PDB file of all heavy atoms in Angstrom:
ATOM      1  N   THR A   1      -2.039  -5.192  14.338  1.00  0.00           N
ATOM      2  CA  THR A   1      -0.768  -4.442  14.179  1.00  0.00           C
ATOM      3  C   THR A   1      -0.129  -4.757  12.950  1.00  0.00           C
ATOM      4  O   THR A   1       1.092  -4.464  12.736  1.00  0.00           O
ATOM      5  CB  THR A   1       0.091  -4.875  15.390  1.00  0.00           C
ATOM      6  OG1 THR A   1       0.309  -6.304  15.464  1.00  0.00           O
ATOM      7  CG2 THR A   1      -0.415  -4.379  16.730  1.00  0.00           C
ATOM      8  N   THR A   2      -0.656  -5.473  11.931  1.00  0.00           N
ATOM      9  CA  THR A   2      -0.149  -5.589  10.758  1.00  0.00           C
ATOM     10  C   THR A   2       0.108  -4.349   9.985  1.00  0.00           C
ATOM     11  O   THR A   2      -0.746  -3.326  10.156  1.00  0.00           O
ATOM     12  CB  THR A   2      -0.938  -6.548   9.737  1.00  0.00           C
ATOM     13  OG1 THR A   2      -2.318  -5.950   9.737  1.00  0.00           O
ATOM     14  CG2 THR A   2      -1.043  -7.989  10.314  1.00  0.00           C
ATOM     15  N   PRO A   3       1.176  -4.148   9.338  1.00  0.00           N
ATOM     16  CA  PRO A   3       1.344  -2.836   8.561  1.00  0.00           C
ATOM     17  C   PRO A   3       0.290  -2.202   7.725  1.00  0.00           C
ATOM     18  O   PRO A   3      -0.054  -1.035   7.856  1.00  0.00           O
ATOM     19  CB  PRO A   3       2.631  -3.117   7.730  1.00  0.00           C
ATOM     20  CG  PRO A   3       3.405  -4.163   8.383  1.00  0.00           C
ATOM     21  CD  PRO A   3       2.113  -5.102   8.972  1.00  0.00           C
ATOM     22  N   VAL A   4      -0.411  -2.989   7.042  1.00  0.00           N
ATOM     23  CA  VAL A   4      -1.542  -2.541   6.349  1.00  0.00           C
ATOM     24  C   VAL A   4      -2.639  -2.007   7.140  1.00  0.00           C
ATOM     25  O   VAL A   4      -3.097  -0.773   6.894  1.00  0.00           O
ATOM     26  CB  VAL A   4      -2.131  -3.678   5.366  1.00  0.00           C
ATOM     27  CG1 VAL A   4      -3.525  -3.116   4.725  1.00  0.00           C
ATOM     28  CG2 VAL A   4      -1.124  -4.059   4.291  1.00  0.00           C
ATOM     29  N   PHE A   5      -3.116  -2.683   8.087  1.00  0.00           N
ATOM     30  CA  PHE A   5      -4.297  -2.060   9.019  1.00  0.00           C
ATOM     31  C   PHE A   5      -3.720  -1.102   9.982  1.00  0.00           C
ATOM     32  O   PHE A   5      -4.375   0.033   9.945  1.00  0.00           O
ATOM     33  CB  PHE A   5      -4.812  -3.262   9.768  1.00  0.00           C
ATOM     34  CG  PHE A   5      -5.922  -2.847  10.566  1.00  0.00           C
ATOM     35  CD1 PHE A   5      -7.256  -2.715  10.136  1.00  0.00           C
ATOM     36  CD2 PHE A   5      -5.783  -2.496  11.959  1.00  0.00           C
ATOM     37  CE1 PHE A   5      -8.205  -2.177  10.896  1.00  0.00           C
ATOM     38  CE2 PHE A   5      -6.769  -2.060  12.771  1.00  0.00           C
ATOM     39  CZ  PHE A   5      -8.052  -1.889  12.192  1.00  0.00           C
ATOM     40  N   PHE A   6      -2.634  -1.253  10.537  1.00  0.00           N
ATOM     41  CA  PHE A   6      -2.241  -0.338  11.584  1.00  0.00           C
ATOM     42  C   PHE A   6      -1.849   0.981  10.988  1.00  0.00           C
ATOM     43  O   PHE A   6      -2.185   2.021  11.420  1.00  0.00           O
ATOM     44  CB  PHE A   6      -1.044  -0.859  12.338  1.00  0.00           C
ATOM     45  CG  PHE A   6      -0.559  -0.195  13.512  1.00  0.00           C
ATOM     46  CD1 PHE A   6      -1.027  -0.363  14.875  1.00  0.00           C
ATOM     47  CD2 PHE A   6       0.393   1.009  13.345  1.00  0.00           C
ATOM     48  CE1 PHE A   6      -0.586   0.431  15.874  1.00  0.00           C
ATOM     49  CE2 PHE A   6       0.839   1.668  14.433  1.00  0.00           C
ATOM     50  CZ  PHE A   6       0.248   1.374  15.669  1.00  0.00           C
ATOM     51  N   SER A   7      -1.017   0.957   9.775  1.00  0.00           N
ATOM     52  CA  SER A   7      -0.591   2.226   9.286  1.00  0.00           C
ATOM     53  C   SER A   7      -1.701   2.942   8.630  1.00  0.00           C
ATOM     54  O   SER A   7      -1.786   4.195   8.734  1.00  0.00           O
ATOM     55  CB  SER A   7       0.565   1.953   8.322  1.00  0.00           C
ATOM     56  OG  SER A   7       0.165   1.044   7.259  1.00  0.00           O
ATOM     57  N   MET A   8      -2.660   2.104   7.981  1.00  0.00           N
ATOM     58  CA  MET A   8      -3.776   2.742   7.293  1.00  0.00           C
ATOM     59  C   MET A   8      -4.706   3.551   8.438  1.00  0.00           C
ATOM     60  O   MET A   8      -4.904   4.757   8.161  1.00  0.00           O
ATOM     61  CB  MET A   8      -4.607   1.856   6.608  1.00  0.00           C
ATOM     62  CG  MET A   8      -5.872   2.377   6.000  1.00  0.00           C
ATOM     63  SD  MET A   8      -6.864   1.048   5.140  1.00  0.00           S
ATOM     64  CE  MET A   8      -7.272  -0.025   6.528  1.00  0.00           C
ATOM     65  N   ALA A   9      -4.917   2.881   9.544  1.00  0.00           N
ATOM     66  CA  ALA A   9      -5.693   3.485  10.434  1.00  0.00           C
ATOM     67  C   ALA A   9      -5.020   4.791  11.153  1.00  0.00           C
ATOM     68  O   ALA A   9      -5.588   5.826  11.334  1.00  0.00           O
ATOM     69  CB  ALA A   9      -6.005   2.401  11.636  1.00  0.00           C
ATOM     70  N   LEU A  10      -3.801   4.668  11.345  1.00  0.00           N
ATOM     71  CA  LEU A  10      -2.820   5.772  11.762  1.00  0.00           C
ATOM     72  C   LEU A  10      -2.988   7.035  10.892  1.00  0.00           C
ATOM     73  O   LEU A  10      -3.052   8.170  11.359  1.00  0.00           O
ATOM     74  CB  LEU A  10      -1.463   5.405  12.229  1.00  0.00           C
ATOM     75  CG  LEU A  10      -0.568   6.459  12.872  1.00  0.00           C
ATOM     76  CD1 LEU A  10      -1.167   6.818  14.227  1.00  0.00           C
ATOM     77  CD2 LEU A  10       0.704   5.754  13.028  1.00  0.00           C
ATOM     78  N   ILE A  11      -2.789   6.650   9.644  1.00  0.00           N
ATOM     79  CA  ILE A  11      -2.713   7.860   8.777  1.00  0.00           C
ATOM     80  C   ILE A  11      -4.084   8.420   8.589  1.00  0.00           C
ATOM     81  O   ILE A  11      -4.167   9.606   8.515  1.00  0.00           O
ATOM     82  CB  ILE A  11      -2.336   7.232   7.324  1.00  0.00           C
ATOM     83  CG1 ILE A  11      -0.912   6.821   7.238  1.00  0.00           C
ATOM     84  CG2 ILE A  11      -2.604   8.287   6.159  1.00  0.00           C
ATOM     85  CD1 ILE A  11      -0.408   5.924   6.141  1.00  0.00           C
ATOM     86  N   ILE A  12      -5.130   7.675   8.513  1.00  0.00           N
ATOM     87  CA  ILE A  12      -6.570   8.276   8.456  1.00  0.00           C
ATOM     88  C   ILE A  12      -6.747   9.236   9.677  1.00  0.00           C
ATOM     89  O   ILE A  12      -7.289  10.246   9.657  1.00  0.00           O
ATOM     90  CB  ILE A  12      -7.602   7.106   8.335  1.00  0.00           C
ATOM     91  CG1 ILE A  12      -7.533   6.402   6.974  1.00  0.00           C
ATOM     92  CG2 ILE A  12      -8.997   7.686   8.620  1.00  0.00           C
ATOM     93  CD1 ILE A  12      -8.406   5.263   6.945  1.00  0.00           C
ATOM     94  N   ILE A  13      -6.361   8.737  10.862  1.00  0.00           N
ATOM     95  CA  ILE A  13      -6.540   9.406  12.044  1.00  0.00           C
ATOM     96  C   ILE A  13      -5.823  10.816  12.028  1.00  0.00           C
ATOM     97  O   ILE A  13      -6.404  11.937  12.310  1.00  0.00           O
ATOM     98  CB  ILE A  13      -6.180   8.780  13.425  1.00  0.00           C
ATOM     99  CG1 ILE A  13      -7.187   7.481  13.612  1.00  0.00           C
ATOM    100  CG2 ILE A  13      -6.142   9.638  14.623  1.00  0.00           C
ATOM    101  CD1 ILE A  13      -6.706   6.571  14.519  1.00  0.00           C
ATOM    102  N   VAL A  14      -4.441  10.762  11.566  1.00  0.00           N
ATOM    103  CA  VAL A  14      -3.749  11.903  11.630  1.00  0.00           C
ATOM    104  C   VAL A  14      -4.279  12.944  10.545  1.00  0.00           C
ATOM    105  O   VAL A  14      -4.312  14.123  10.747  1.00  0.00           O
ATOM    106  CB  VAL A  14      -2.234  11.576  11.205  1.00  0.00           C
ATOM    107  CG1 VAL A  14      -1.479  12.863  11.147  1.00  0.00           C
ATOM    108  CG2 VAL A  14      -1.678  10.785  12.409  1.00  0.00           C
ATOM    109  N   LEU A  15      -4.741  12.420   9.397  1.00  0.00           N
ATOM    110  CA  LEU A  15      -5.238  13.249   8.402  1.00  0.00           C
ATOM    111  C   LEU A  15      -6.584  13.977   8.763  1.00  0.00           C
ATOM    112  O   LEU A  15      -6.708  15.082   8.526  1.00  0.00           O
ATOM    113  CB  LEU A  15      -5.548  12.552   7.087  1.00  0.00           C
ATOM    114  CG  LEU A  15      -4.331  11.870   6.316  1.00  0.00           C
ATOM    115  CD1 LEU A  15      -4.688  11.126   5.054  1.00  0.00           C
ATOM    116  CD2 LEU A  15      -3.454  13.110   5.894  1.00  0.00           C
ATOM    117  N   LEU A  16      -7.384  13.212   9.556  1.00  0.00           N
ATOM    118  CA  LEU A  16      -8.632  13.814  10.033  1.00  0.00           C
ATOM    119  C   LEU A  16      -8.326  14.785  11.033  1.00  0.00           C
ATOM    120  O   LEU A  16      -8.917  15.945  11.159  1.00  0.00           O
ATOM    121  CB  LEU A  16      -9.513  12.674  10.644  1.00  0.00           C
ATOM    122  CG  LEU A  16     -10.150  11.705   9.650  1.00  0.00           C
ATOM    123  CD1 LEU A  16     -10.892  10.645  10.418  1.00  0.00           C
ATOM    124  CD2 LEU A  16     -11.075  12.429   8.765  1.00  0.00           C
ATOM    125  N   LEU A  17      -7.374  14.626  11.965  1.00  0.00           N
ATOM    126  CA  LEU A  17      -7.078  15.565  12.976  1.00  0.00           C
ATOM    127  C   LEU A  17      -6.300  16.722  12.464  1.00  0.00           C
ATOM    128  O   LEU A  17      -6.556  17.913  12.980  1.00  0.00           O
ATOM    129  CB  LEU A  17      -6.165  14.893  14.114  1.00  0.00           C
ATOM    130  CG  LEU A  17      -6.811  13.779  14.860  1.00  0.00           C
ATOM    131  CD1 LEU A  17      -5.737  13.202  15.883  1.00  0.00           C
ATOM    132  CD2 LEU A  17      -7.943  14.387  15.684  1.00  0.00           C
ATOM    133  N   SER A  18      -5.556  16.702  11.373  1.00  0.00           N
ATOM    134  CA  SER A  18      -4.859  17.722  10.845  1.00  0.00           C
ATOM    135  C   SER A  18      -5.645  18.524   9.893  1.00  0.00           C
ATOM    136  O   SER A  18      -5.246  19.707   9.437  1.00  0.00           O
ATOM    137  CB  SER A  18      -3.558  17.296  10.110  1.00  0.00           C
ATOM    138  OG  SER A  18      -3.770  16.443   9.076  1.00  0.00           O
ATOM    139  N   GLY A  19      -6.714  18.010   9.374  1.00  0.00           N
ATOM    140  CA  GLY A  19      -7.609  18.629   8.334  1.00  0.00           C
ATOM    141  C   GLY A  19      -7.077  18.536   6.874  1.00  0.00           C
ATOM    142  O   GLY A  19      -7.635  19.289   6.032  1.00  0.00           O
ATOM    143  N   ILE A  20      -6.076  17.648   6.719  1.00  0.00           N
ATOM    144  CA  ILE A  20      -5.550  17.517   5.334  1.00  0.00           C
ATOM    145  C   ILE A  20      -6.635  16.637   4.584  1.00  0.00           C
ATOM    146  O   ILE A  20      -6.990  15.503   4.991  1.00  0.00           O
ATOM    147  CB  ILE A  20      -4.216  16.881   5.346  1.00  0.00           C
ATOM    148  CG1 ILE A  20      -3.261  17.682   6.093  1.00  0.00           C
ATOM    149  CG2 ILE A  20      -3.783  16.406   3.927  1.00  0.00           C
ATOM    150  CD1 ILE A  20      -1.760  17.038   6.038  1.00  0.00           C
ATOM    151  N   THR A  21      -7.108  17.022   3.407  1.00  0.00           N
ATOM    152  CA  THR A  21      -8.113  16.240   2.727  1.00  0.00           C
ATOM    153  C   THR A  21      -7.416  15.189   1.796  1.00  0.00           C
ATOM    154  O   THR A  21      -6.120  15.222   1.598  1.00  0.00           O
ATOM    155  CB  THR A  21      -8.885  17.272   1.757  1.00  0.00           C
ATOM    156  OG1 THR A  21      -7.874  17.839   0.773  1.00  0.00           O
ATOM    157  CG2 THR A  21      -9.509  18.370   2.596  1.00  0.00           C
ATOM    158  N   PHE A  22      -8.282  14.274   1.270  1.00  0.00           N
ATOM    159  CA  PHE A  22      -7.656  13.154   0.363  1.00  0.00           C
ATOM    160  C   PHE A  22      -7.136  13.849  -0.878  1.00  0.00           C
ATOM    161  O   PHE A  22      -6.145  13.381  -1.436  1.00  0.00           O
ATOM    162  CB  PHE A  22      -8.799  12.262   0.096  1.00  0.00           C
ATOM    163  CG  PHE A  22      -8.321  11.147  -0.968  1.00  0.00           C
ATOM    164  CD1 PHE A  22      -7.590  10.152  -0.293  1.00  0.00           C
ATOM    165  CD2 PHE A  22      -8.727  11.118  -2.166  1.00  0.00           C
ATOM    166  CE1 PHE A  22      -7.155   9.049  -1.092  1.00  0.00           C
ATOM    167  CE2 PHE A  22      -8.209  10.073  -3.025  1.00  0.00           C
ATOM    168  CZ  PHE A  22      -7.379   9.043  -2.338  1.00  0.00           C
ATOM    169  N   GLU A  23      -7.714  14.923  -1.350  1.00  0.00           N
ATOM    170  CA  GLU A  23      -7.225  15.656  -2.534  1.00  0.00           C
ATOM    171  C   GLU A  23      -5.798  16.238  -2.244  1.00  0.00           C
ATOM    172  O   GLU A  23      -4.906  16.052  -3.171  1.00  0.00           O
ATOM    173  CB  GLU A  23      -8.124  16.669  -2.991  1.00  0.00           C
ATOM    174  CG  GLU A  23      -9.487  16.245  -3.640  1.00  0.00           C
ATOM    175  CD  GLU A  23     -10.458  15.613  -2.635  1.00  0.00           C
ATOM    176  OE1 GLU A  23     -10.253  15.984  -1.423  1.00  0.00           O
ATOM    177  OE2 GLU A  23     -11.362  14.876  -2.965  1.00  0.00           O
ATOM    178  N   GLN A  24      -5.714  16.708  -1.079  1.00  0.00           N
ATOM    179  CA  GLN A  24      -4.305  17.253  -0.665  1.00  0.00           C
ATOM    180  C   GLN A  24      -3.286  16.067  -0.661  1.00  0.00           C
ATOM    181  O   GLN A  24      -2.048  16.356  -0.772  1.00  0.00           O
ATOM    182  CB  GLN A  24      -4.377  18.162   0.588  1.00  0.00           C
ATOM    183  CG  GLN A  24      -5.230  19.439   0.329  1.00  0.00           C
ATOM    184  CD  GLN A  24      -5.324  20.146   1.661  1.00  0.00           C
ATOM    185  OE1 GLN A  24      -5.745  19.587   2.621  1.00  0.00           O
ATOM    186  NE2 GLN A  24      -5.104  21.497   1.620  1.00  0.00           N
ATOM    187  N   TYR A  25      -3.709  14.968  -0.096  1.00  0.00           N
ATOM    188  CA  TYR A  25      -2.839  13.825   0.138  1.00  0.00           C
ATOM    189  C   TYR A  25      -2.564  13.142  -1.180  1.00  0.00           C
ATOM    190  O   TYR A  25      -1.558  12.339  -1.260  1.00  0.00           O
ATOM    191  CB  TYR A  25      -3.538  12.883   1.131  1.00  0.00           C
ATOM    192  CG  TYR A  25      -2.664  11.647   1.434  1.00  0.00           C
ATOM    193  CD1 TYR A  25      -1.651  11.633   2.381  1.00  0.00           C
ATOM    194  CD2 TYR A  25      -2.988  10.363   0.724  1.00  0.00           C
ATOM    195  CE1 TYR A  25      -0.928  10.501   2.684  1.00  0.00           C
ATOM    196  CE2 TYR A  25      -2.276   9.281   1.026  1.00  0.00           C
ATOM    197  CZ  TYR A  25      -1.336   9.326   1.959  1.00  0.00           C
ATOM    198  OH  TYR A  25      -0.507   8.175   2.235  1.00  0.00           O
ATOM    199  N   GLY A  26      -3.320  13.438  -2.245  1.00  0.00           N
ATOM    200  CA  GLY A  26      -3.236  12.745  -3.511  1.00  0.00           C
ATOM    201  C   GLY A  26      -1.764  12.822  -4.171  1.00  0.00           C
ATOM    202  O   GLY A  26      -1.336  11.678  -4.584  1.00  0.00           O
TER     203      GLY A  26
END
C-alpha cells in the first residue's frame, strides 16, 4: 500500500481498462 506501488498498479489497471495508451498518457 505504499504510494509508489499502490498508485502505479491502480493507474496501470485503469489505463488498461479505459484503453488509454502510454502515448496518450504522455
